[in-house]
PDB file of N, CA and C in Angstrom:
ATOM      1  N   UNK A   1      49.602 -53.472  33.164  1.00  0.00           N
ATOM      2  CA  UNK A   1      50.779 -53.630  32.102  1.00  0.00           C
ATOM      3  C   UNK A   1      51.769 -54.767  32.844  1.00  0.00           C
ATOM      4  N   UNK A   2      51.757 -54.786  33.975  1.00  0.00           N
ATOM      5  CA  UNK A   2      52.723 -55.597  34.604  1.00  0.00           C
ATOM      6  C   UNK A   2      52.076 -56.913  34.377  1.00  0.00           C
ATOM      7  N   UNK A   3      50.506 -57.120  34.675  1.00  0.00           N
ATOM      8  CA  UNK A   3      49.959 -58.590  34.590  1.00  0.00           C
ATOM      9  C   UNK A   3      49.721 -58.929  33.089  1.00  0.00           C
ATOM     10  N   UNK A   4      49.437 -58.058  32.371  1.00  0.00           N
ATOM     11  CA  UNK A   4      49.212 -58.282  30.915  1.00  0.00           C
ATOM     12  C   UNK A   4      47.627 -58.505  30.804  1.00  0.00           C
ATOM     13  N   UNK A   5      46.729 -57.827  31.549  1.00  0.00           N
ATOM     14  CA  UNK A   5      45.266 -58.170  31.453  1.00  0.00           C
ATOM     15  C   UNK A   5      44.848 -56.903  30.534  1.00  0.00           C
ATOM     16  N   UNK A   6      44.131 -57.458  29.504  1.00  0.00           N
ATOM     17  CA  UNK A   6      43.559 -56.538  28.574  1.00  0.00           C
ATOM     18  C   UNK A   6      42.085 -56.712  28.800  1.00  0.00           C
ATOM     19  N   UNK A   7      41.446 -55.484  28.152  1.00  0.00           N
ATOM     20  CA  UNK A   7      40.005 -55.281  28.239  1.00  0.00           C
ATOM     21  C   UNK A   7      39.322 -56.273  27.229  1.00  0.00           C
ATOM     22  N   UNK A   8      38.186 -56.359  27.541  1.00  0.00           N
ATOM     23  CA  UNK A   8      37.205 -57.445  26.728  1.00  0.00           C
ATOM     24  C   UNK A   8      36.975 -56.798  25.366  1.00  0.00           C
ATOM     25  N   UNK A   9      36.855 -55.400  25.438  1.00  0.00           N
ATOM     26  CA  UNK A   9      36.570 -54.783  24.264  1.00  0.00           C
ATOM     27  C   UNK A   9      37.914 -54.691  23.239  1.00  0.00           C
ATOM     28  N   UNK A  10      37.924 -54.984  22.044  1.00  0.00           N
ATOM     29  CA  UNK A  10      38.890 -55.104  21.259  1.00  0.00           C
ATOM     30  C   UNK A  10      39.480 -53.467  20.960  1.00  0.00           C
ATOM     31  N   UNK A  11      38.485 -52.500  21.000  1.00  0.00           N
ATOM     32  CA  UNK A  11      39.053 -51.141  20.581  1.00  0.00           C
ATOM     33  C   UNK A  11      39.920 -50.694  21.800  1.00  0.00           C
ATOM     34  N   UNK A  12      39.421 -51.196  22.979  1.00  0.00           N
ATOM     35  CA  UNK A  12      40.178 -50.322  24.222  1.00  0.00           C
ATOM     36  C   UNK A  12      41.465 -51.266  24.358  1.00  0.00           C
ATOM     37  N   UNK A  13      41.505 -52.617  23.753  1.00  0.00           N
ATOM     38  CA  UNK A  13      42.678 -53.484  24.307  1.00  0.00           C
ATOM     39  C   UNK A  13      43.706 -53.007  23.049  1.00  0.00           C
ATOM     40  N   UNK A  14      43.309 -52.698  21.910  1.00  0.00           N
ATOM     41  CA  UNK A  14      44.137 -52.067  21.046  1.00  0.00           C
ATOM     42  C   UNK A  14      44.673 -50.901  21.454  1.00  0.00           C
ATOM     43  N   UNK A  15      43.989 -49.833  21.842  1.00  0.00           N
ATOM     44  CA  UNK A  15      44.452 -48.458  22.519  1.00  0.00           C
ATOM     45  C   UNK A  15      45.427 -48.636  23.306  1.00  0.00           C
ATOM     46  N   UNK A  16      45.219 -49.517  24.382  1.00  0.00           N
ATOM     47  CA  UNK A  16      46.067 -49.723  25.614  1.00  0.00           C
ATOM     48  C   UNK A  16      47.442 -50.198  25.069  1.00  0.00           C
ATOM     49  N   UNK A  17      47.346 -51.517  23.993  1.00  0.00           N
ATOM     50  CA  UNK A  17      48.627 -51.832  23.500  1.00  0.00           C
ATOM     51  C   UNK A  17      49.310 -50.637  23.020  1.00  0.00           C
ATOM     52  N   UNK A  18      48.671 -49.888  22.238  1.00  0.00           N
ATOM     53  CA  UNK A  18      49.462 -48.610  21.691  1.00  0.00           C
ATOM     54  C   UNK A  18      50.009 -47.697  22.437  1.00  0.00           C
ATOM     55  N   UNK A  19      48.996 -47.353  23.516  1.00  0.00           N
ATOM     56  CA  UNK A  19      49.763 -46.632  24.592  1.00  0.00           C
ATOM     57  C   UNK A  19      50.884 -47.173  25.611  1.00  0.00           C
ATOM     58  N   UNK A  20      50.873 -48.508  25.554  1.00  0.00           N
ATOM     59  CA  UNK A  20      51.784 -49.216  26.576  1.00  0.00           C
ATOM     60  C   UNK A  20      53.367 -49.204  25.822  1.00  0.00           C
ATOM     61  N   UNK A  21      53.298 -48.868  24.281  1.00  0.00           N
ATOM     62  CA  UNK A  21      54.426 -49.089  23.589  1.00  0.00           C
ATOM     63  C   UNK A  21      55.388 -47.916  24.012  1.00  0.00           C
ATOM     64  N   UNK A  22      54.697 -46.722  24.449  1.00  0.00           N
ATOM     65  CA  UNK A  22      55.519 -45.728  25.065  1.00  0.00           C
ATOM     66  C   UNK A  22      56.078 -45.719  26.344  1.00  0.00           C
ATOM     67  N   UNK A  23      56.076 -46.862  27.212  1.00  0.00           N
ATOM     68  CA  UNK A  23      56.246 -47.116  28.384  1.00  0.00           C
ATOM     69  C   UNK A  23      57.156 -48.444  28.459  1.00  0.00           C
ATOM     70  N   UNK A  24      57.974 -48.638  29.420  1.00  0.00           N
ATOM     71  CA  UNK A  24      58.520 -49.777  29.810  1.00  0.00           C
ATOM     72  C   UNK A  24      58.869 -49.875  31.192  1.00  0.00           C
ATOM     73  N   UNK A  25      58.718 -51.264  31.506  1.00  0.00           N
ATOM     74  CA  UNK A  25      58.870 -51.528  33.100  1.00  0.00           C
ATOM     75  C   UNK A  25      59.958 -52.116  33.319  1.00  0.00           C
ATOM     76  N   UNK A  26      61.149 -51.632  34.197  1.00  0.00           N
ATOM     77  CA  UNK A  26      62.269 -52.157  34.496  1.00  0.00           C
ATOM     78  C   UNK A  26      62.337 -52.196  36.114  1.00  0.00           C
ATOM     79  N   UNK A  27      62.501 -53.466  36.618  1.00  0.00           N
ATOM     80  CA  UNK A  27      62.704 -53.712  37.942  1.00  0.00           C
ATOM     81  C   UNK A  27      61.457 -53.031  38.754  1.00  0.00           C
ATOM     82  N   UNK A  28      60.375 -52.977  38.196  1.00  0.00           N
ATOM     83  CA  UNK A  28      59.237 -52.629  39.032  1.00  0.00           C
ATOM     84  C   UNK A  28      59.182 -50.964  38.938  1.00  0.00           C
ATOM     85  N   UNK A  29      59.928 -50.391  38.273  1.00  0.00           N
ATOM     86  CA  UNK A  29      59.560 -48.913  37.926  1.00  0.00           C
ATOM     87  C   UNK A  29      59.313 -48.716  36.641  1.00  0.00           C
ATOM     88  N   UNK A  30      58.297 -47.704  36.347  1.00  0.00           N
ATOM     89  CA  UNK A  30      57.783 -47.572  35.366  1.00  0.00           C
ATOM     90  C   UNK A  30      58.578 -46.284  34.607  1.00  0.00           C
ATOM     91  N   UNK A  31      59.010 -46.275  33.258  1.00  0.00           N
ATOM     92  CA  UNK A  31      59.676 -45.370  32.588  1.00  0.00           C
ATOM     93  C   UNK A  31      59.097 -44.819  31.428  1.00  0.00           C
ATOM     94  N   UNK A  32      59.130 -43.838  30.998  1.00  0.00           N
ATOM     95  CA  UNK A  32      58.538 -43.356  29.764  1.00  0.00           C
ATOM     96  C   UNK A  32      59.633 -43.589  28.615  1.00  0.00           C
ATOM     97  N   UNK A  33      59.406 -43.887  27.621  1.00  0.00           N
ATOM     98  CA  UNK A  33      60.517 -43.935  26.524  1.00  0.00           C
ATOM     99  C   UNK A  33      60.512 -42.635  25.509  1.00  0.00           C
ATOM    100  N   UNK A  34      61.515 -42.095  24.999  1.00  0.00           N
ATOM    101  CA  UNK A  34      61.620 -40.765  24.333  1.00  0.00           C
ATOM    102  C   UNK A  34      62.601 -41.156  23.320  1.00  0.00           C
ATOM    103  N   UNK A  35      62.318 -40.293  22.378  1.00  0.00           N
ATOM    104  CA  UNK A  35      63.214 -40.137  21.248  1.00  0.00           C
ATOM    105  C   UNK A  35      64.400 -39.425  21.266  1.00  0.00           C
ATOM    106  N   UNK A  36      64.390 -38.507  21.860  1.00  0.00           N
ATOM    107  CA  UNK A  36      65.357 -37.635  22.084  1.00  0.00           C
ATOM    108  C   UNK A  36      66.063 -37.404  23.426  1.00  0.00           C
ATOM    109  N   UNK A  37      65.444 -38.286  24.299  1.00  0.00           N
ATOM    110  CA  UNK A  37      66.139 -38.233  25.844  1.00  0.00           C
ATOM    111  C   UNK A  37      66.395 -39.605  26.187  1.00  0.00           C
ATOM    112  N   UNK A  38      67.056 -39.863  27.351  1.00  0.00           N
ATOM    113  CA  UNK A  38      67.129 -41.293  27.850  1.00  0.00           C
ATOM    114  C   UNK A  38      65.577 -41.609  28.564  1.00  0.00           C
ATOM    115  N   UNK A  39      65.323 -42.639  29.109  1.00  0.00           N
ATOM    116  CA  UNK A  39      64.085 -42.947  29.808  1.00  0.00           C
ATOM    117  C   UNK A  39      64.070 -42.077  30.798  1.00  0.00           C
ATOM    118  N   UNK A  40      62.628 -41.708  30.876  1.00  0.00           N
ATOM    119  CA  UNK A  40      62.339 -40.841  31.845  1.00  0.00           C
ATOM    120  C   UNK A  40      61.368 -41.532  32.992  1.00  0.00           C
ATOM    121  N   UNK A  41      61.872 -41.469  34.226  1.00  0.00           N
ATOM    122  CA  UNK A  41      61.357 -42.203  35.332  1.00  0.00           C
ATOM    123  C   UNK A  41      59.823 -41.454  35.749  1.00  0.00           C
ATOM    124  N   UNK A  42      58.790 -42.203  35.479  1.00  0.00           N
ATOM    125  CA  UNK A  42      57.463 -41.832  35.893  1.00  0.00           C
ATOM    126  C   UNK A  42      57.250 -41.928  37.501  1.00  0.00           C
ATOM    127  N   UNK A  43      56.797 -40.730  37.731  1.00  0.00           N
ATOM    128  CA  UNK A  43      56.554 -40.338  39.413  1.00  0.00           C
ATOM    129  C   UNK A  43      55.358 -40.591  39.797  1.00  0.00           C
ATOM    130  N   UNK A  44      54.962 -40.731  41.134  1.00  0.00           N
ATOM    131  CA  UNK A  44      53.583 -40.675  41.457  1.00  0.00           C
ATOM    132  C   UNK A  44      53.415 -39.189  42.040  1.00  0.00           C
ATOM    133  N   UNK A  45      52.232 -38.819  42.559  1.00  0.00           N
ATOM    134  CA  UNK A  45      52.038 -37.425  42.774  1.00  0.00           C
ATOM    135  C   UNK A  45      52.912 -36.984  44.166  1.00  0.00           C
ATOM    136  N   UNK A  46      52.980 -37.805  45.089  1.00  0.00           N
ATOM    137  CA  UNK A  46      54.018 -37.730  46.201  1.00  0.00           C
ATOM    138  C   UNK A  46      55.370 -37.198  45.774  1.00  0.00           C
ATOM    139  N   UNK A  47      55.807 -38.230  44.942  1.00  0.00           N
ATOM    140  CA  UNK A  47      57.327 -38.031  44.467  1.00  0.00           C
ATOM    141  C   UNK A  47      57.295 -36.777  43.570  1.00  0.00           C
ATOM    142  N   UNK A  48      56.527 -36.405  43.014  1.00  0.00           N
ATOM    143  CA  UNK A  48      56.510 -35.168  41.846  1.00  0.00           C
ATOM    144  C   UNK A  48      56.322 -33.916  42.571  1.00  0.00           C
ATOM    145  N   UNK A  49      55.563 -34.029  43.616  1.00  0.00           N
ATOM    146  CA  UNK A  49      55.584 -32.863  44.591  1.00  0.00           C
ATOM    147  C   UNK A  49      56.883 -32.478  45.036  1.00  0.00           C
ATOM    148  N   UNK A  50      57.491 -33.424  45.578  1.00  0.00           N
ATOM    149  CA  UNK A  50      58.905 -33.194  46.236  1.00  0.00           C
ATOM    150  C   UNK A  50      59.868 -32.757  45.099  1.00  0.00           C
ATOM    151  N   UNK A  51      60.079 -33.340  43.945  1.00  0.00           N
ATOM    152  CA  UNK A  51      60.810 -32.769  42.928  1.00  0.00           C
ATOM    153  C   UNK A  51      60.466 -31.406  42.706  1.00  0.00           C
ATOM    154  N   UNK A  52      59.278 -31.162  42.303  1.00  0.00           N
ATOM    155  CA  UNK A  52      58.838 -29.618  41.867  1.00  0.00           C
ATOM    156  C   UNK A  52      59.239 -28.835  43.008  1.00  0.00           C
ATOM    157  N   UNK A  53      59.301 -29.033  44.251  1.00  0.00           N
ATOM    158  CA  UNK A  53      59.606 -28.192  45.491  1.00  0.00           C
ATOM    159  C   UNK A  53      61.148 -27.998  45.225  1.00  0.00           C
ATOM    160  N   UNK A  54      61.710 -29.020  45.120  1.00  0.00           N
ATOM    161  CA  UNK A  54      63.438 -28.955  45.107  1.00  0.00           C
ATOM    162  C   UNK A  54      64.051 -28.131  43.880  1.00  0.00           C
ATOM    163  N   UNK A  55      63.249 -28.220  42.528  1.00  0.00           N
ATOM    164  CA  UNK A  55      63.546 -27.621  41.399  1.00  0.00           C
ATOM    165  C   UNK A  55      63.151 -25.976  41.724  1.00  0.00           C
ATOM    166  N   UNK A  56      61.904 -25.729  42.164  1.00  0.00           N
ATOM    167  CA  UNK A  56      61.378 -24.607  42.468  1.00  0.00           C
ATOM    168  C   UNK A  56      62.445 -23.576  43.386  1.00  0.00           C
ATOM    169  N   UNK A  57      62.630 -24.281  44.676  1.00  0.00           N
ATOM    170  CA  UNK A  57      63.335 -23.562  45.591  1.00  0.00           C
ATOM    171  C   UNK A  57      64.824 -23.545  45.520  1.00  0.00           C
ATOM    172  N   UNK A  58      65.222 -24.524  44.872  1.00  0.00           N
ATOM    173  CA  UNK A  58      66.582 -24.816  44.720  1.00  0.00           C
ATOM    174  C   UNK A  58      67.511 -24.373  45.928  1.00  0.00           C
ATOM    175  N   UNK A  59      68.927 -24.594  45.803  1.00  0.00           N
ATOM    176  CA  UNK A  59      69.790 -24.401  46.863  1.00  0.00           C
ATOM    177  C   UNK A  59      70.032 -22.947  46.992  1.00  0.00           C
ATOM    178  N   UNK A  60      69.876 -22.024  45.921  1.00  0.00           N
ATOM    179  CA  UNK A  60      70.140 -20.781  45.739  1.00  0.00           C
ATOM    180  C   UNK A  60      68.764 -19.832  45.965  1.00  0.00           C
ATOM    181  N   UNK A  61      67.535 -20.632  45.909  1.00  0.00           N
ATOM    182  CA  UNK A  61      66.412 -19.943  45.784  1.00  0.00           C
ATOM    183  C   UNK A  61      65.986 -19.040  44.683  1.00  0.00           C
ATOM    184  N   UNK A  62      66.249 -19.853  43.491  1.00  0.00           N
ATOM    185  CA  UNK A  62      65.969 -19.228  42.040  1.00  0.00           C
ATOM    186  C   UNK A  62      64.436 -19.060  42.075  1.00  0.00           C
ATOM    187  N   UNK A  63      63.568 -19.793  42.482  1.00  0.00           N
ATOM    188  CA  UNK A  63      62.247 -19.470  42.307  1.00  0.00           C
ATOM    189  C   UNK A  63      61.705 -19.270  40.999  1.00  0.00           C
ATOM    190  N   UNK A  64      62.046 -20.536  40.042  1.00  0.00           N
ATOM    191  CA  UNK A  64      61.941 -20.555  38.745  1.00  0.00           C
ATOM    192  C   UNK A  64      60.420 -20.365  38.230  1.00  0.00           C
ATOM    193  N   UNK A  65      60.030 -20.000  37.023  1.00  0.00           N
ATOM    194  CA  UNK A  65      58.391 -20.039  36.735  1.00  0.00           C
ATOM    195  C   UNK A  65      58.184 -21.466  36.262  1.00  0.00           C
ATOM    196  N   UNK A  66      56.810 -21.486  35.702  1.00  0.00           N
ATOM    197  CA  UNK A  66      55.991 -22.675  35.553  1.00  0.00           C
ATOM    198  C   UNK A  66      56.616 -23.337  34.474  1.00  0.00           C
ATOM    199  N   UNK A  67      56.932 -22.835  33.274  1.00  0.00           N
ATOM    200  CA  UNK A  67      57.507 -23.379  31.871  1.00  0.00           C
ATOM    201  C   UNK A  67      58.994 -24.084  32.438  1.00  0.00           C
ATOM    202  N   UNK A  68      59.832 -23.281  33.077  1.00  0.00           N
ATOM    203  CA  UNK A  68      61.117 -23.761  33.450  1.00  0.00           C
ATOM    204  C   UNK A  68      61.113 -24.781  34.425  1.00  0.00           C
ATOM    205  N   UNK A  69      60.376 -24.790  35.372  1.00  0.00           N
ATOM    206  CA  UNK A  69      60.326 -25.949  36.388  1.00  0.00           C
ATOM    207  C   UNK A  69      59.927 -27.102  35.765  1.00  0.00           C
ATOM    208  N   UNK A  70      58.795 -27.388  34.784  1.00  0.00           N
ATOM    209  CA  UNK A  70      58.540 -28.656  34.190  1.00  0.00           C
ATOM    210  C   UNK A  70      59.677 -28.972  33.354  1.00  0.00           C
ATOM    211  N   UNK A  71      60.234 -27.955  32.527  1.00  0.00           N
ATOM    212  CA  UNK A  71      61.396 -28.274  31.609  1.00  0.00           C
ATOM    213  C   UNK A  71      62.555 -28.966  32.335  1.00  0.00           C
ATOM    214  N   UNK A  72      62.806 -28.284  33.408  1.00  0.00           N
ATOM    215  CA  UNK A  72      63.815 -28.697  34.188  1.00  0.00           C
ATOM    216  C   UNK A  72      63.950 -30.114  34.728  1.00  0.00           C
ATOM    217  N   UNK A  73      62.603 -30.379  35.191  1.00  0.00           N
ATOM    218  CA  UNK A  73      62.190 -31.973  35.680  1.00  0.00           C
ATOM    219  C   UNK A  73      62.358 -32.877  34.657  1.00  0.00           C
ATOM    220  N   UNK A  74      61.956 -32.371  33.236  1.00  0.00           N
ATOM    221  CA  UNK A  74      62.274 -33.340  32.225  1.00  0.00           C
ATOM    222  C   UNK A  74      63.710 -33.727  31.881  1.00  0.00           C
ATOM    223  N   UNK A  75      64.303 -32.593  31.880  1.00  0.00           N
ATOM    224  CA  UNK A  75      65.837 -32.624  31.621  1.00  0.00           C
ATOM    225  C   UNK A  75      66.541 -33.396  32.730  1.00  0.00           C
ATOM    226  N   UNK A  76      65.947 -33.471  33.976  1.00  0.00           N
ATOM    227  CA  UNK A  76      66.558 -34.216  34.987  1.00  0.00           C
ATOM    228  C   UNK A  76      66.337 -35.675  34.911  1.00  0.00           C
ATOM    229  N   UNK A  77      65.231 -35.981  34.162  1.00  0.00           N
ATOM    230  CA  UNK A  77      64.770 -37.304  33.763  1.00  0.00           C
ATOM    231  C   UNK A  77      63.574 -37.858  34.371  1.00  0.00           C
ATOM    232  N   UNK A  78      62.863 -36.927  34.836  1.00  0.00           N
ATOM    233  CA  UNK A  78      61.433 -37.207  35.559  1.00  0.00           C
ATOM    234  C   UNK A  78      60.178 -36.981  34.548  1.00  0.00           C
ATOM    235  N   UNK A  79      59.254 -37.826  34.760  1.00  0.00           N
ATOM    236  CA  UNK A  79      58.156 -37.468  33.967  1.00  0.00           C
ATOM    237  C   UNK A  79      56.668 -37.970  34.764  1.00  0.00           C
ATOM    238  N   UNK A  80      55.420 -37.154  34.554  1.00  0.00           N
ATOM    239  CA  UNK A  80      54.355 -37.428  34.935  1.00  0.00           C
ATOM    240  C   UNK A  80      53.356 -36.706  34.284  1.00  0.00           C
ATOM    241  N   UNK A  81      52.221 -37.072  34.029  1.00  0.00           N
ATOM    242  CA  UNK A  81      51.303 -36.486  32.892  1.00  0.00           C
ATOM    243  C   UNK A  81      50.547 -34.984  33.369  1.00  0.00           C
ATOM    244  N   UNK A  82      50.636 -34.798  34.656  1.00  0.00           N
ATOM    245  CA  UNK A  82      50.337 -33.411  34.880  1.00  0.00           C
ATOM    246  C   UNK A  82      51.450 -32.409  35.098  1.00  0.00           C
ATOM    247  N   UNK A  83      52.464 -32.516  34.620  1.00  0.00           N
ATOM    248  CA  UNK A  83      53.587 -31.609  34.989  1.00  0.00           C
ATOM    249  C   UNK A  83      53.249 -30.217  35.121  1.00  0.00           C
ATOM    250  N   UNK A  84      53.032 -29.707  33.719  1.00  0.00           N
ATOM    251  CA  UNK A  84      52.657 -28.301  33.695  1.00  0.00           C
ATOM    252  C   UNK A  84      51.686 -27.917  34.568  1.00  0.00           C
ATOM    253  N   UNK A  85      50.492 -28.422  34.963  1.00  0.00           N
ATOM    254  CA  UNK A  85      49.483 -27.898  35.784  1.00  0.00           C
ATOM    255  C   UNK A  85      50.027 -27.914  37.029  1.00  0.00           C
ATOM    256  N   UNK A  86      50.972 -29.104  37.566  1.00  0.00           N
ATOM    257  CA  UNK A  86      51.436 -29.029  38.986  1.00  0.00           C
ATOM    258  C   UNK A  86      52.315 -27.857  39.162  1.00  0.00           C
ATOM    259  N   UNK A  87      53.273 -27.515  38.321  1.00  0.00           N
ATOM    260  CA  UNK A  87      54.158 -26.606  38.125  1.00  0.00           C
ATOM    261  C   UNK A  87      53.531 -24.996  38.501  1.00  0.00           C
ATOM    262  N   UNK A  88      52.449 -25.048  37.548  1.00  0.00           N
ATOM    263  CA  UNK A  88      51.641 -23.669  37.702  1.00  0.00           C
ATOM    264  C   UNK A  88      51.094 -23.368  39.107  1.00  0.00           C
ATOM    265  N   UNK A  89      50.480 -24.645  39.625  1.00  0.00           N
ATOM    266  CA  UNK A  89      49.779 -24.479  41.056  1.00  0.00           C
ATOM    267  C   UNK A  89      50.736 -24.346  41.902  1.00  0.00           C
ATOM    268  N   UNK A  90      52.160 -24.707  41.797  1.00  0.00           N
ATOM    269  CA  UNK A  90      53.206 -24.562  42.760  1.00  0.00           C
ATOM    270  C   UNK A  90      53.439 -22.771  42.707  1.00  0.00           C
ATOM    271  N   UNK A  91      53.735 -22.490  41.704  1.00  0.00           N
ATOM    272  CA  UNK A  91      53.966 -21.132  41.390  1.00  0.00           C
ATOM    273  C   UNK A  91      53.241 -20.107  42.057  1.00  0.00           C
ATOM    274  N   UNK A  92      51.716 -20.572  42.007  1.00  0.00           N
ATOM    275  CA  UNK A  92      50.587 -19.832  42.457  1.00  0.00           C
ATOM    276  C   UNK A  92      50.555 -19.645  43.748  1.00  0.00           C
ATOM    277  N   UNK A  93      50.790 -20.872  44.442  1.00  0.00           N
ATOM    278  CA  UNK A  93      51.015 -20.868  46.059  1.00  0.00           C
ATOM    279  C   UNK A  93      51.962 -20.573  46.611  1.00  0.00           C
ATOM    280  N   UNK A  94      53.154 -20.172  45.824  1.00  0.00           N
ATOM    281  CA  UNK A  94      54.177 -19.745  46.451  1.00  0.00           C
ATOM    282  C   UNK A  94      54.256 -18.245  46.976  1.00  0.00           C
ATOM    283  N   UNK A  95      54.350 -18.007  48.113  1.00  0.00           N
ATOM    284  CA  UNK A  95      54.029 -16.841  48.939  1.00  0.00           C
ATOM    285  C   UNK A  95      55.124 -15.726  48.275  1.00  0.00           C
ATOM    286  N   UNK A  96      56.470 -16.325  48.289  1.00  0.00           N
ATOM    287  CA  UNK A  96      57.594 -15.454  47.953  1.00  0.00           C
ATOM    288  C   UNK A  96      57.463 -15.050  46.427  1.00  0.00           C
ATOM    289  N   UNK A  97      57.037 -16.019  45.595  1.00  0.00           N
ATOM    290  CA  UNK A  97      56.727 -15.721  44.107  1.00  0.00           C
ATOM    291  C   UNK A  97      55.637 -14.554  43.902  1.00  0.00           C
ATOM    292  N   UNK A  98      54.677 -14.804  44.665  1.00  0.00           N
ATOM    293  CA  UNK A  98      53.616 -13.672  44.587  1.00  0.00           C
ATOM    294  C   UNK A  98      53.998 -12.319  45.221  1.00  0.00           C
ATOM    295  N   UNK A  99      54.731 -12.349  46.281  1.00  0.00           N
ATOM    296  CA  UNK A  99      55.141 -11.118  46.557  1.00  0.00           C
ATOM    297  C   UNK A  99      56.113 -10.255  45.932  1.00  0.00           C
ATOM    298  N   UNK A 100      56.864 -10.748  45.033  1.00  0.00           N
ATOM    299  CA  UNK A 100      58.039 -10.416  44.400  1.00  0.00           C
ATOM    300  C   UNK A 100      57.766 -10.447  42.831  1.00  0.00           C
ATOM    301  N   UNK A 101      56.439 -10.499  42.427  1.00  0.00           N
ATOM    302  CA  UNK A 101      56.176 -10.912  41.003  1.00  0.00           C
ATOM    303  C   UNK A 101      56.356  -9.399  40.284  1.00  0.00           C
ATOM    304  N   UNK A 102      56.761  -9.298  38.880  1.00  0.00           N
ATOM    305  CA  UNK A 102      56.738  -8.166  38.359  1.00  0.00           C
ATOM    306  C   UNK A 102      55.340  -7.876  37.977  1.00  0.00           C
ATOM    307  N   UNK A 103      55.311  -6.387  38.224  1.00  0.00           N
ATOM    308  CA  UNK A 103      53.841  -5.796  38.023  1.00  0.00           C
ATOM    309  C   UNK A 103      53.809  -5.493  36.628  1.00  0.00           C
ATOM    310  N   UNK A 104      52.619  -5.706  36.121  1.00  0.00           N
ATOM    311  CA  UNK A 104      52.148  -5.418  34.637  1.00  0.00           C
ATOM    312  C   UNK A 104      51.867  -3.967  34.581  1.00  0.00           C
ATOM    313  N   UNK A 105      52.446  -3.464  33.506  1.00  0.00           N
ATOM    314  CA  UNK A 105      52.066  -2.097  33.555  1.00  0.00           C
ATOM    315  C   UNK A 105      51.563  -1.689  32.301  1.00  0.00           C
ATOM    316  N   UNK A 106      50.869  -2.699  31.478  1.00  0.00           N
ATOM    317  CA  UNK A 106      49.904  -2.564  30.357  1.00  0.00           C
ATOM    318  C   UNK A 106      48.510  -2.143  30.710  1.00  0.00           C
ATOM    319  N   UNK A 107      48.097  -1.550  29.605  1.00  0.00           N
ATOM    320  CA  UNK A 107      46.533  -1.246  30.112  1.00  0.00           C
ATOM    321  C   UNK A 107      45.823  -2.333  30.070  1.00  0.00           C
ATOM    322  N   UNK A 108      44.627  -2.604  30.507  1.00  0.00           N
ATOM    323  CA  UNK A 108      43.813  -3.639  30.721  1.00  0.00           C
ATOM    324  C   UNK A 108      43.090  -3.920  29.234  1.00  0.00           C
ATOM    325  N   UNK A 109      42.795  -2.665  28.615  1.00  0.00           N
ATOM    326  CA  UNK A 109      42.256  -2.960  26.978  1.00  0.00           C
ATOM    327  C   UNK A 109      43.137  -1.941  26.110  1.00  0.00           C
ATOM    328  N   UNK A 110      43.164  -2.547  24.682  1.00  0.00           N
ATOM    329  CA  UNK A 110      43.771  -1.837  23.798  1.00  0.00           C
ATOM    330  C   UNK A 110      43.333  -0.281  23.756  1.00  0.00           C
ATOM    331  N   UNK A 111      44.000   0.558  23.544  1.00  0.00           N
ATOM    332  CA  UNK A 111      43.998   1.687  23.452  1.00  0.00           C
ATOM    333  C   UNK A 111      43.366   2.159  22.181  1.00  0.00           C
ATOM    334  N   UNK A 112      42.365   2.869  21.954  1.00  0.00           N
ATOM    335  CA  UNK A 112      41.551   3.280  20.569  1.00  0.00           C
ATOM    336  C   UNK A 112      41.924   4.896  20.397  1.00  0.00           C
ATOM    337  N   UNK A 113      42.173   5.152  19.046  1.00  0.00           N
ATOM    338  CA  UNK A 113      42.481   6.351  18.831  1.00  0.00           C
ATOM    339  C   UNK A 113      41.010   7.122  18.507  1.00  0.00           C
ATOM    340  N   UNK A 114      41.024   8.343  18.740  1.00  0.00           N
ATOM    341  CA  UNK A 114      39.738   9.124  18.521  1.00  0.00           C
ATOM    342  C   UNK A 114      39.925   9.781  17.239  1.00  0.00           C
ATOM    343  N   UNK A 115      39.158   9.603  16.298  1.00  0.00           N
ATOM    344  CA  UNK A 115      39.211  10.684  15.453  1.00  0.00           C
ATOM    345  C   UNK A 115      38.166  11.628  15.332  1.00  0.00           C
ATOM    346  N   UNK A 116      38.855  12.971  15.031  1.00  0.00           N
ATOM    347  CA  UNK A 116      38.004  14.089  15.249  1.00  0.00           C
ATOM    348  C   UNK A 116      37.953  14.794  13.947  1.00  0.00           C
ATOM    349  N   UNK A 117      36.898  14.912  13.327  1.00  0.00           N
ATOM    350  CA  UNK A 117      36.744  15.613  12.058  1.00  0.00           C
ATOM    351  C   UNK A 117      37.324  17.078  11.956  1.00  0.00           C
ATOM    352  N   UNK A 118      36.863  17.600  12.672  1.00  0.00           N
ATOM    353  CA  UNK A 118      37.151  19.320  12.779  1.00  0.00           C
ATOM    354  C   UNK A 118      37.640  19.363  14.229  1.00  0.00           C
ATOM    355  N   UNK A 119      38.956  19.876  14.627  1.00  0.00           N
ATOM    356  CA  UNK A 119      39.611  20.002  15.689  1.00  0.00           C
ATOM    357  C   UNK A 119      38.833  20.851  16.801  1.00  0.00           C
ATOM    358  N   UNK A 120      38.103  21.984  16.318  1.00  0.00           N
ATOM    359  CA  UNK A 120      37.523  22.949  17.131  1.00  0.00           C
ATOM    360  C   UNK A 120      36.027  22.920  17.131  1.00  0.00           C
ATOM    361  N   UNK A 121      35.476  21.587  16.670  1.00  0.00           N
ATOM    362  CA  UNK A 121      34.078  21.357  16.606  1.00  0.00           C
ATOM    363  C   UNK A 121      33.386  21.363  17.856  1.00  0.00           C
ATOM    364  N   UNK A 122      33.759  21.163  18.930  1.00  0.00           N
ATOM    365  CA  UNK A 122      33.436  20.808  20.280  1.00  0.00           C
ATOM    366  C   UNK A 122      33.025  22.132  20.967  1.00  0.00           C
ATOM    367  N   UNK A 123      33.989  22.997  20.668  1.00  0.00           N
ATOM    368  CA  UNK A 123      33.951  24.443  21.335  1.00  0.00           C
ATOM    369  C   UNK A 123      33.044  25.504  20.571  1.00  0.00           C
TER     370      UNK A 123
END
């Protein structure tokens, strides 16, 4: 995007032009345009890991879940393509979250009603 080099294939060049409309380059930093939010700063994996850990562990130790971590990162003004997947991996690898997770008390399969034609037929 910075150099303006396009592919020789016209379809790929057109596709790249269309995708690049969603992004803007300001002073060497890549931002994603959004309709309802200000510009979202595009992060590289090392930066995104730091941001996720800061949001997840927070100063009061909230240990937010996957959806809320990614949502909060968007609200703060950051973006990267694998936000949800990275947030999920962080929550799964967090020892404290796994130790204090709520246990699920639902049966593994749906219960089925047993229909008996005559109540005392078995005896």
